[in-house]
């Protein structure tokens, strides 16, 4: 085949200029050597000096099977879309690649990451799933101990699987030594740092990731989410708008833009405009079932789309379309019908959410999300004692001291439980801490969400809701 790499200079306000082009013939049998040749020739054209071992490492084949490599590349595309159905397809393709070449370390590493993200998104929270993640990551390390992707895979195992942030950072640091300018690694380090409450360091790492890869919609979305948590709304909107523009068929930037307009302005109409824009670009199941919805986002999303204009799209939803997240589906539908004041349907879905949460707990897959949803279902079903107990378990399972981001889920669920039960003072005591630190809680949201209607008139609640 003939390869025609070209280096083009782009300057704002001027036409593109070709600075270098050098076609060359290459045998189709060795795609890895072709990649190394292109990298070396571009570096030479730019007068860059490569480290002595770089050309050899670029040319080192990760697999001898072209078919396995093709499976791997296709799997990466599905992985990058990051929804539960796409991740399942990615895992299948990584396994197919490994089936063709069991020594394919990159495929083992990526399989570990794909399975870890499925665990993170609650597609499978079993101990067996976590074991599969660890086994794949360790297999990659055994095959190629110095491989950055293998260390990254172990990092994701500790991050998403064990919430062991210190060990995750150790592994990501080892990966970064081999790839110091890897934007994805800078991005995930920022995500880990914010879970530790190291907000300024997290911002710096995420901004560096965006500088390294300015066209990555996922990096921009993570950066926008970080700004949103810190209530830096102007910067959040800019990053999220850019993320949505770069990947208009990926749901995550839209999720956060909806939350942004509620948190900043208390504007349901602006959020609904974003939802309508997203639904013009993707199917309802893809938007509503992307899997990143935690307790607060599920309810807020239900409030945003409770408008009658969305009834047609919502009627098609099923647990399967929401990535088989059955608990998330029932909780979402319960919230939706509560906002629509359809109490009979809301109660039916609350009962289903409660039954599902109890089944998950009996499989020893307890987590803060499950206990928070159980607490809310019990509260709305008139089980005050059980509701408070489950809410307190959610707080204990993921305390803020151990997770600065998702540790807020338990207190917010417990605050809603107390609001439903009519204990305004107890509810307000749970709301105060999230408002005092970076979080998804805002005064504008407290003012507009009917969930907090029982607290209206409470002097301390009104003071919180008047914050700028």
Protein backbone atom coordinates (compact mmCIF):
# COMPACT_ATOMS: atom_id res chain seq x y z
CA UNK A 1 0.00 0.00 0.00
CA UNK A 2 1.01 3.64 -0.35
CA UNK A 3 0.86 5.84 2.76
CA UNK A 4 0.60 9.61 2.30
CA UNK A 5 1.08 11.40 5.63
CA UNK A 6 0.73 15.19 5.48
CA UNK A 7 1.47 17.89 8.04
CA UNK A 8 -0.81 20.91 7.74
CA UNK A 9 -0.52 24.25 9.52
CA UNK A 10 -3.84 25.77 10.58
CA UNK A 11 -3.93 29.50 11.32
CA UNK A 12 -7.12 31.32 12.22
CA UNK A 13 -8.32 33.51 9.34
CA UNK A 14 -5.98 31.94 6.77
CA UNK A 15 -6.23 28.90 4.49
CA UNK A 16 -4.48 25.69 5.60
CA UNK A 17 -0.87 25.38 4.49
CA UNK A 18 0.84 22.07 3.79
CA UNK A 19 4.21 22.19 5.54
CA UNK A 20 5.33 18.68 4.76
CA UNK A 21 4.16 15.66 2.77
CA UNK A 22 6.05 12.48 2.01
CA UNK A 23 4.27 9.52 0.41
CA UNK A 24 5.98 6.16 0.80
CA UNK A 25 5.30 2.54 0.01
CA UNK A 26 4.77 0.12 2.88
CA UNK A 27 4.00 -3.60 3.04
CA UNK A 28 0.47 -4.27 4.24
CA UNK A 29 1.76 -7.08 6.42
CA UNK A 30 3.22 -4.87 9.18
CA UNK A 31 0.88 -2.08 10.30
CA UNK A 32 2.99 -1.50 13.42
CA UNK A 33 6.12 -0.69 11.44
CA UNK A 34 4.06 1.68 9.28
CA UNK A 35 2.90 3.51 12.39
CA UNK A 36 6.47 3.79 13.64
CA UNK A 37 7.70 5.05 10.27
CA UNK A 38 5.05 7.76 10.13
CA UNK A 39 5.82 8.91 13.69
CA UNK A 40 9.55 9.04 12.98
CA UNK A 41 9.14 10.93 9.69
CA UNK A 42 6.79 13.51 11.21
CA UNK A 43 9.17 13.98 14.14
CA UNK A 44 12.02 14.49 11.70
CA UNK A 45 10.02 17.03 9.70
CA UNK A 46 9.35 18.96 12.89
CA UNK A 47 13.01 18.75 13.94
CA UNK A 48 12.06 16.80 17.06
CA UNK A 49 14.51 14.39 18.67
CA UNK A 50 12.97 11.08 19.66
CA UNK A 51 14.38 9.22 22.65
CA UNK A 52 16.65 6.35 21.55
CA UNK A 53 14.13 3.64 22.39
CA UNK A 54 11.03 5.33 20.98
CA UNK A 55 11.19 4.11 17.36
CA UNK A 56 11.73 0.55 18.56
CA UNK A 57 8.86 0.78 21.03
CA UNK A 58 6.56 2.22 18.35
CA UNK A 59 7.40 -0.61 16.02
CA UNK A 60 7.13 -3.34 18.66
CA UNK A 61 4.11 -5.44 17.63
CA UNK A 62 1.49 -5.80 20.35
CA UNK A 63 0.07 -8.76 18.47
CA UNK A 64 1.07 -10.80 15.47
CA UNK A 65 -2.55 -11.15 14.38
CA UNK A 66 -3.96 -8.46 12.07
CA UNK A 67 -7.46 -9.78 12.80
CA UNK A 68 -6.93 -9.43 16.56
CA UNK A 69 -5.64 -5.89 16.08
CA UNK A 70 -8.70 -5.03 14.00
CA UNK A 71 -10.98 -6.37 16.75
CA UNK A 72 -9.06 -4.28 19.26
CA UNK A 73 -9.40 -1.06 17.25
CA UNK A 74 -13.13 -1.59 16.74
CA UNK A 75 -13.54 -2.32 20.45
CA UNK A 76 -11.82 0.97 21.28
CA UNK A 77 -14.45 2.86 19.29
CA UNK A 78 -17.27 1.27 21.29
CA UNK A 79 -15.40 1.82 24.56
CA UNK A 80 -15.02 5.52 23.81
CA UNK A 81 -18.81 5.90 23.55
CA UNK A 82 -18.97 4.76 27.18
CA UNK A 83 -22.63 3.74 27.46
CA UNK A 84 -23.53 0.34 28.90
CA UNK A 85 -24.60 -1.28 25.57
CA UNK A 86 -21.49 0.08 23.83
CA UNK A 87 -19.23 -1.15 26.62
CA UNK A 88 -20.71 -4.64 26.41
CA UNK A 89 -19.94 -4.69 22.69
CA UNK A 90 -16.42 -3.43 23.41
CA UNK A 91 -15.84 -6.23 25.92
CA UNK A 92 -17.03 -8.82 23.40
CA UNK A 93 -14.59 -7.51 20.80
CA UNK A 94 -11.68 -7.39 23.26
CA UNK A 95 -12.41 -11.01 24.18
CA UNK A 96 -12.56 -11.89 20.49
CA UNK A 97 -9.14 -10.30 20.00
CA UNK A 98 -7.76 -12.24 22.96
CA UNK A 99 -9.27 -15.41 21.53
CA UNK A 100 -7.22 -14.85 18.37
CA UNK A 101 -4.06 -14.00 20.33
CA UNK A 102 -3.99 -14.80 24.05
CA UNK A 103 -0.71 -12.88 24.47
CA UNK A 104 -2.23 -9.59 23.28
CA UNK A 105 -1.47 -7.48 26.37
CA UNK A 106 -3.15 -4.30 25.10
CA UNK A 107 -6.42 -6.16 24.56
CA UNK A 108 -6.23 -7.64 28.08
CA UNK A 109 -5.64 -4.15 29.50
CA UNK A 110 -8.52 -2.63 27.61
CA UNK A 111 -10.80 -5.52 28.54
CA UNK A 112 -10.05 -4.79 32.19
CA UNK A 113 -10.96 -1.13 31.71
CA UNK A 114 -14.17 -1.93 29.86
CA UNK A 115 -15.30 -4.37 32.55
CA UNK A 116 -14.29 -1.87 35.26
CA UNK A 117 -16.45 0.82 33.70
CA UNK A 118 -19.39 -1.61 33.49
CA UNK A 119 -18.91 -2.18 37.21
CA UNK A 120 -18.78 1.58 37.82
CA UNK A 121 -22.02 2.08 35.86
CA UNK A 122 -23.80 -0.62 37.90
CA UNK A 123 -24.27 -2.91 34.91
CA UNK A 124 -22.78 -5.67 37.08
CA UNK A 125 -21.81 -4.97 40.70
CA UNK A 126 -21.03 -8.56 41.61
CA UNK A 127 -17.85 -9.78 43.25
CA UNK A 128 -17.32 -11.95 40.19
CA UNK A 129 -17.29 -8.90 37.93
CA UNK A 130 -14.67 -7.21 40.07
CA UNK A 131 -12.59 -10.38 40.00
CA UNK A 132 -12.76 -10.42 36.19
CA UNK A 133 -11.47 -6.84 36.09
CA UNK A 134 -8.53 -7.65 38.33
CA UNK A 135 -7.65 -10.85 36.47
CA UNK A 136 -7.59 -9.10 33.08
CA UNK A 137 -5.46 -6.23 34.40
CA UNK A 138 -2.98 -8.57 36.07
CA UNK A 139 -2.78 -10.69 32.92
CA UNK A 140 -1.81 -7.58 30.94
CA UNK A 141 0.88 -6.73 33.50
CA UNK A 142 2.22 -10.29 33.48
CA UNK A 143 2.49 -10.27 29.69
CA UNK A 144 4.11 -6.81 29.44
CA UNK A 145 5.10 -5.41 32.85
CA UNK A 146 6.28 -2.06 31.45
CA UNK A 147 3.13 -1.46 29.34
CA UNK A 148 1.52 1.89 30.34
CA UNK A 149 -1.95 0.60 29.40
CA UNK A 150 -1.50 -2.32 31.81
CA UNK A 151 -0.74 0.01 34.71
CA UNK A 152 -3.66 2.20 33.66
CA UNK A 153 -5.91 -0.88 33.75
CA UNK A 154 -4.81 -1.61 37.32
CA UNK A 155 -5.46 2.04 38.13
CA UNK A 156 -9.03 1.78 36.89
CA UNK A 157 -9.49 -1.41 38.90
CA UNK A 158 -8.53 0.42 42.09
CA UNK A 159 -10.43 3.58 41.09
CA UNK A 160 -13.74 2.26 39.81
CA UNK A 161 -13.67 -1.13 41.47
CA UNK A 162 -12.21 -0.58 44.92
CA UNK A 163 -12.48 3.19 45.41
CA UNK A 164 -8.87 2.92 46.60
CA UNK A 165 -7.76 6.30 45.34
CA UNK A 166 -4.19 6.19 46.68
CA UNK A 167 -3.37 2.92 44.90
CA UNK A 168 -5.15 4.12 41.77
CA UNK A 169 -2.93 7.21 41.66
CA UNK A 170 0.17 5.03 42.10
CA UNK A 171 -0.77 2.97 39.04
CA UNK A 172 -1.67 6.02 36.94
CA UNK A 173 1.69 7.56 37.89
CA UNK A 174 3.48 4.41 36.67
CA UNK A 175 1.50 4.61 33.42
CA UNK A 176 2.36 8.31 33.03
CA UNK A 177 6.09 7.59 33.24
CA UNK A 178 5.79 5.72 29.96
CA UNK A 179 3.37 8.24 28.42
CA UNK A 180 3.96 11.61 30.11
CA UNK A 181 1.81 13.54 27.62
CA UNK A 182 -1.15 11.18 27.61
CA UNK A 183 -4.26 13.36 27.94
CA UNK A 184 -6.42 10.47 29.10
CA UNK A 185 -4.12 9.78 32.02
CA UNK A 186 -4.07 13.46 33.01
CA UNK A 187 -7.87 13.39 32.82
CA UNK A 188 -8.36 10.34 35.04
CA UNK A 189 -5.81 11.62 37.57
CA UNK A 190 -7.96 14.75 37.85
CA UNK A 191 -11.05 12.60 38.44
CA UNK A 192 -9.30 10.68 41.22
CA UNK A 193 -7.96 13.84 42.86
CA UNK A 194 -11.41 15.39 43.08
CA UNK A 195 -12.76 12.26 44.76
CA UNK A 196 -10.10 12.92 47.41
CA UNK A 197 -11.32 16.51 47.72
CA UNK A 198 -8.13 17.93 46.18
CA UNK A 199 -10.11 20.36 44.05
CA UNK A 200 -7.39 22.73 42.85
CA UNK A 201 -5.07 19.88 41.89
CA UNK A 202 -7.95 18.19 40.09
CA UNK A 203 -8.69 21.34 38.08
CA UNK A 204 -5.01 21.67 37.13
CA UNK A 205 -4.82 18.06 35.93
CA UNK A 206 -8.07 18.29 33.95
CA UNK A 207 -7.02 21.58 32.36
CA UNK A 208 -3.72 20.00 31.38
CA UNK A 209 -5.62 17.09 29.82
CA UNK A 210 -7.71 19.53 27.82
CA UNK A 211 -4.59 21.38 26.66
CA UNK A 212 -3.02 18.09 25.55
CA UNK A 213 -6.15 16.97 23.68
CA UNK A 214 -8.38 20.00 23.02
CA UNK A 215 -10.73 18.02 20.75
CA UNK A 216 -11.59 15.34 23.29
CA UNK A 217 -15.26 15.68 24.17
CA UNK A 218 -14.81 13.42 27.19
CA UNK A 219 -11.98 15.50 28.63
CA UNK A 220 -14.02 18.66 28.08
CA UNK A 221 -17.05 17.05 29.73
CA UNK A 222 -15.00 16.00 32.75
CA UNK A 223 -13.53 19.48 32.98
CA UNK A 224 -16.99 21.04 32.68
CA UNK A 225 -18.28 18.75 35.41
CA UNK A 226 -15.43 19.83 37.66
CA UNK A 227 -16.24 23.51 37.08
CA UNK A 228 -19.91 22.73 37.77
CA UNK A 229 -19.07 21.04 41.07
CA UNK A 230 -17.05 24.11 42.04
CA UNK A 231 -19.89 26.41 40.91
CA UNK A 232 -17.67 28.09 38.32
CA UNK A 233 -20.63 28.28 36.00
CA UNK A 234 -19.26 30.42 33.15
CA UNK A 235 -16.33 28.07 32.63
CA UNK A 236 -18.58 25.02 33.04
CA UNK A 237 -20.95 26.16 30.32
CA UNK A 238 -18.10 26.91 27.91
CA UNK A 239 -16.50 23.48 28.36
CA UNK A 240 -19.77 21.55 28.21
CA UNK A 241 -21.00 23.40 25.11
CA UNK A 242 -17.73 22.53 23.40
CA UNK A 243 -17.95 18.90 24.52
CA UNK A 244 -21.48 18.55 23.14
CA UNK A 245 -20.46 20.19 19.85
CA UNK A 246 -17.54 17.79 19.39
CA UNK A 247 -19.61 14.65 20.11
CA UNK A 248 -23.25 15.55 19.41
CA UNK A 249 -24.46 11.95 19.72
CA UNK A 250 -22.86 11.28 23.14
CA UNK A 251 -25.15 12.01 26.11
CA UNK A 252 -22.85 13.10 28.94
CA UNK A 253 -22.30 16.77 28.11
CA UNK A 254 -26.07 17.18 27.69
CA UNK A 255 -26.65 15.63 31.13
CA UNK A 256 -24.37 18.15 32.74
CA UNK A 257 -25.67 21.11 30.74
CA UNK A 258 -29.17 20.32 31.99
CA UNK A 259 -27.90 20.25 35.53
CA UNK A 260 -25.89 23.42 34.91
CA UNK A 261 -28.92 25.53 33.99
CA UNK A 262 -30.87 24.27 36.99
CA UNK A 263 -27.97 24.80 39.39
CA UNK A 264 -26.99 28.22 38.08
CA UNK A 265 -30.32 29.79 37.10
CA UNK A 266 -33.02 27.51 38.47
CA UNK A 267 -34.16 27.32 34.83
CA UNK A 268 -36.15 24.26 33.85
CA UNK A 269 -36.91 25.73 30.43
CA UNK A 270 -33.23 26.07 29.48
CA UNK A 271 -32.65 22.51 30.69
CA UNK A 272 -35.61 21.29 28.64
CA UNK A 273 -34.19 22.98 25.56
CA UNK A 274 -30.99 20.99 26.07
CA UNK A 275 -33.01 17.77 26.46
CA UNK A 276 -34.91 18.49 23.24
CA UNK A 277 -31.66 19.21 21.42
CA UNK A 278 -30.16 15.94 22.68
CA UNK A 279 -33.24 13.95 21.66
CA UNK A 280 -32.96 15.35 18.15
CA UNK A 281 -29.53 13.71 17.96
CA UNK A 282 -30.00 10.39 19.73
CA UNK A 283 -32.63 7.86 20.74
CA UNK A 284 -34.35 8.31 24.14
CA UNK A 285 -32.80 5.12 25.50
CA UNK A 286 -29.33 6.40 24.74
CA UNK A 287 -29.95 9.75 26.43
CA UNK A 288 -31.88 8.50 29.44
CA UNK A 289 -29.86 5.33 29.92
CA UNK A 290 -26.26 6.45 29.60
CA UNK A 291 -25.58 5.03 33.06
CA UNK A 292 -23.82 7.97 34.73
CA UNK A 293 -26.94 9.02 36.58
CA UNK A 294 -26.49 8.92 40.32
CA UNK A 295 -29.30 9.42 42.85
CA UNK A 296 -29.55 13.18 42.53
CA UNK A 297 -29.25 13.24 38.74
CA UNK A 298 -31.94 10.60 38.26
CA UNK A 299 -34.46 12.69 40.19
CA UNK A 300 -33.37 15.97 38.61
CA UNK A 301 -33.59 14.43 35.16
CA UNK A 302 -37.10 13.24 35.95
CA UNK A 303 -38.06 16.79 36.96
CA UNK A 304 -36.65 18.25 33.74
CA UNK A 305 -38.49 15.81 31.44
CA UNK A 306 -41.71 15.68 33.45
CA UNK A 307 -43.06 18.26 31.02
CA UNK A 308 -45.80 16.84 28.76
CA UNK A 309 -43.67 17.56 25.69
CA UNK A 310 -41.53 14.50 26.50
CA UNK A 311 -44.31 11.95 27.01
CA UNK A 312 -43.83 10.26 23.63
CA UNK A 313 -40.11 9.72 24.12
CA UNK A 314 -40.51 8.55 27.72
CA UNK A 315 -43.23 6.05 26.82
CA UNK A 316 -40.68 3.97 24.93
CA UNK A 317 -38.29 3.55 27.86
CA UNK A 318 -37.60 0.10 29.26
CA UNK A 319 -34.95 -1.24 31.66
CA UNK A 320 -33.15 -2.76 28.66
CA UNK A 321 -32.93 0.63 26.95
CA UNK A 322 -31.48 2.07 30.16
CA UNK A 323 -28.61 -0.41 30.03
CA UNK A 324 -30.47 -3.01 32.14
CA UNK A 325 -30.06 -0.74 35.16
CA UNK A 326 -33.36 -1.95 36.58
CA UNK A 327 -33.06 -0.11 39.88
CA UNK A 328 -32.17 3.14 38.13
CA UNK A 329 -35.11 2.67 35.74
CA UNK A 330 -37.67 2.11 38.51
CA UNK A 331 -36.29 5.01 40.57
CA UNK A 332 -36.40 7.31 37.55
CA UNK A 333 -39.99 6.36 36.69
CA UNK A 334 -41.09 6.77 40.32
CA UNK A 335 -39.64 10.28 40.41
CA UNK A 336 -41.16 11.12 37.04
CA UNK A 337 -44.70 10.19 38.09
CA UNK A 338 -44.32 11.96 41.43
CA UNK A 339 -43.45 15.17 39.59
CA UNK A 340 -46.51 14.61 37.40
CA UNK A 341 -48.65 14.09 40.53
CA UNK A 342 -49.66 10.61 39.31
CA UNK A 343 -49.45 9.01 42.73
CA UNK A 344 -50.78 5.54 41.80
CA UNK A 345 -48.13 5.00 39.13
CA UNK A 346 -45.45 6.59 41.30
CA UNK A 347 -46.26 4.23 44.14
CA UNK A 348 -46.12 1.21 41.82
CA UNK A 349 -42.65 2.15 40.63
CA UNK A 350 -41.52 2.97 44.17
CA UNK A 351 -42.56 -0.51 45.22
CA UNK A 352 -40.62 -2.01 42.29
CA UNK A 353 -37.56 0.10 43.17
CA UNK A 354 -37.75 -1.09 46.76
CA UNK A 355 -38.01 -4.76 45.76
CA UNK A 356 -35.10 -4.42 43.35
CA UNK A 357 -32.91 -2.66 45.92
CA UNK A 358 -33.62 -5.39 48.46
CA UNK A 359 -32.69 -8.09 45.94
CA UNK A 360 -29.42 -6.33 45.19
CA UNK A 361 -28.66 -6.11 48.90
CA UNK A 362 -29.27 -9.81 49.45
CA UNK A 363 -26.66 -10.54 46.75
CA UNK A 364 -24.17 -8.61 48.92
CA UNK A 365 -23.85 -5.87 46.32
CA UNK A 366 -24.74 -3.08 48.77
CA UNK A 367 -23.55 0.37 47.85
CA UNK A 368 -24.57 3.93 48.63
CA UNK A 369 -26.69 4.20 45.47
CA UNK A 370 -28.70 1.09 46.33
CA UNK A 371 -29.26 2.10 49.93
CA UNK A 372 -30.17 5.68 48.95
CA UNK A 373 -32.79 4.45 46.49
CA UNK A 374 -34.12 2.02 49.10
CA UNK A 375 -34.36 4.88 51.60
CA UNK A 376 -36.32 7.07 49.18
CA UNK A 377 -38.67 4.24 48.19
CA UNK A 378 -39.34 3.45 51.86
CA UNK A 379 -40.00 7.12 52.64
CA UNK A 380 -42.53 7.56 49.84
CA UNK A 381 -44.15 4.21 50.65
CA UNK A 382 -44.73 5.31 54.26
CA UNK A 383 -42.01 3.26 55.98
CA UNK A 384 -40.33 5.98 58.08
CA UNK A 385 -38.15 3.78 60.29
CA UNK A 386 -36.79 1.71 57.41
CA UNK A 387 -36.27 4.85 55.31
CA UNK A 388 -34.10 6.58 57.90
CA UNK A 389 -32.10 3.41 58.56
CA UNK A 390 -31.39 2.90 54.85
CA UNK A 391 -30.49 6.57 54.43
CA UNK A 392 -28.00 6.36 57.28
CA UNK A 393 -26.50 3.20 55.76
CA UNK A 394 -26.01 5.10 52.49
CA UNK A 395 -24.13 7.82 54.38
CA UNK A 396 -21.94 5.24 56.13
CA UNK A 397 -21.19 3.18 53.02
CA UNK A 398 -19.71 6.18 51.15
CA UNK A 399 -18.90 8.94 53.64
CA UNK A 400 -17.81 12.36 52.41
CA UNK A 401 -14.50 11.85 54.24
CA UNK A 402 -13.71 9.00 51.83
CA UNK A 403 -15.32 10.35 48.66
CA UNK A 404 -15.73 14.10 48.26
CA UNK A 405 -17.96 13.76 45.18
CA UNK A 406 -20.24 10.75 45.57
CA UNK A 407 -20.10 10.90 49.35
CA UNK A 408 -22.74 13.63 48.98
CA UNK A 409 -25.27 11.13 47.60
CA UNK A 410 -26.13 9.62 50.99
CA UNK A 411 -26.71 12.94 52.83
CA UNK A 412 -28.84 14.26 49.96
CA UNK A 413 -31.00 11.13 49.96
CA UNK A 414 -31.32 11.32 53.75
CA UNK A 415 -32.29 15.00 53.48
CA UNK A 416 -35.08 14.06 51.07
CA UNK A 417 -36.21 11.27 53.39
CA UNK A 418 -36.50 13.75 56.27
CA UNK A 419 -38.33 16.23 54.01
CA UNK A 420 -40.86 13.55 53.03
CA UNK A 421 -41.30 12.59 56.70
CA UNK A 422 -41.84 16.24 57.66
CA UNK A 423 -38.71 16.66 59.79
CA UNK A 424 -37.55 20.00 58.39
CA UNK A 425 -34.74 20.60 60.87
CA UNK A 426 -33.18 17.18 60.21
CA UNK A 427 -33.47 17.72 56.45
CA UNK A 428 -31.79 21.13 56.63
CA UNK A 429 -28.96 19.71 58.73
CA UNK A 430 -28.19 17.29 55.86
CA UNK A 431 -28.37 20.06 53.22
CA UNK A 432 -25.97 22.48 54.86
CA UNK A 433 -22.65 20.60 54.36
CA UNK A 434 -23.03 20.01 50.57
CA UNK A 435 -23.78 23.70 50.05
CA UNK A 436 -20.60 24.69 51.88
CA UNK A 437 -18.25 22.66 49.65
CA UNK A 438 -17.98 21.81 45.94
CA UNK A 439 -20.97 19.63 45.08
CA UNK A 440 -23.92 19.27 42.73
CA UNK A 441 -26.16 21.05 45.26
CA UNK A 442 -27.08 24.69 44.64
CA UNK A 443 -29.42 27.25 46.17
CA UNK A 444 -31.20 27.73 42.81
CA UNK A 445 -32.02 24.01 42.69
CA UNK A 446 -33.38 24.09 46.24
CA UNK A 447 -35.69 26.93 45.22
CA UNK A 448 -37.32 25.16 42.28
CA UNK A 449 -37.42 21.43 43.07
CA UNK A 450 -40.82 20.40 44.50
CA UNK A 451 -39.02 17.74 46.57
CA UNK A 452 -38.16 20.53 49.02
CA UNK A 453 -41.69 21.98 49.22
CA UNK A 454 -42.21 20.56 52.75
CA UNK A 455 -39.29 22.72 53.89
CA UNK A 456 -40.69 26.00 52.59
CA UNK A 457 -41.22 28.38 55.48
CA UNK A 458 -38.46 26.88 57.58
CA UNK A 459 -36.23 29.87 58.37
CA UNK A 460 -32.94 28.03 57.97
CA UNK A 461 -34.02 26.41 54.70
CA UNK A 462 -35.10 29.77 53.31
CA UNK A 463 -31.69 31.20 54.22
CA UNK A 464 -29.95 28.35 52.34
CA UNK A 465 -32.19 28.78 49.31
CA UNK A 466 -31.47 32.52 49.10
CA UNK A 467 -27.73 31.99 48.68
CA UNK A 468 -26.29 33.42 45.48
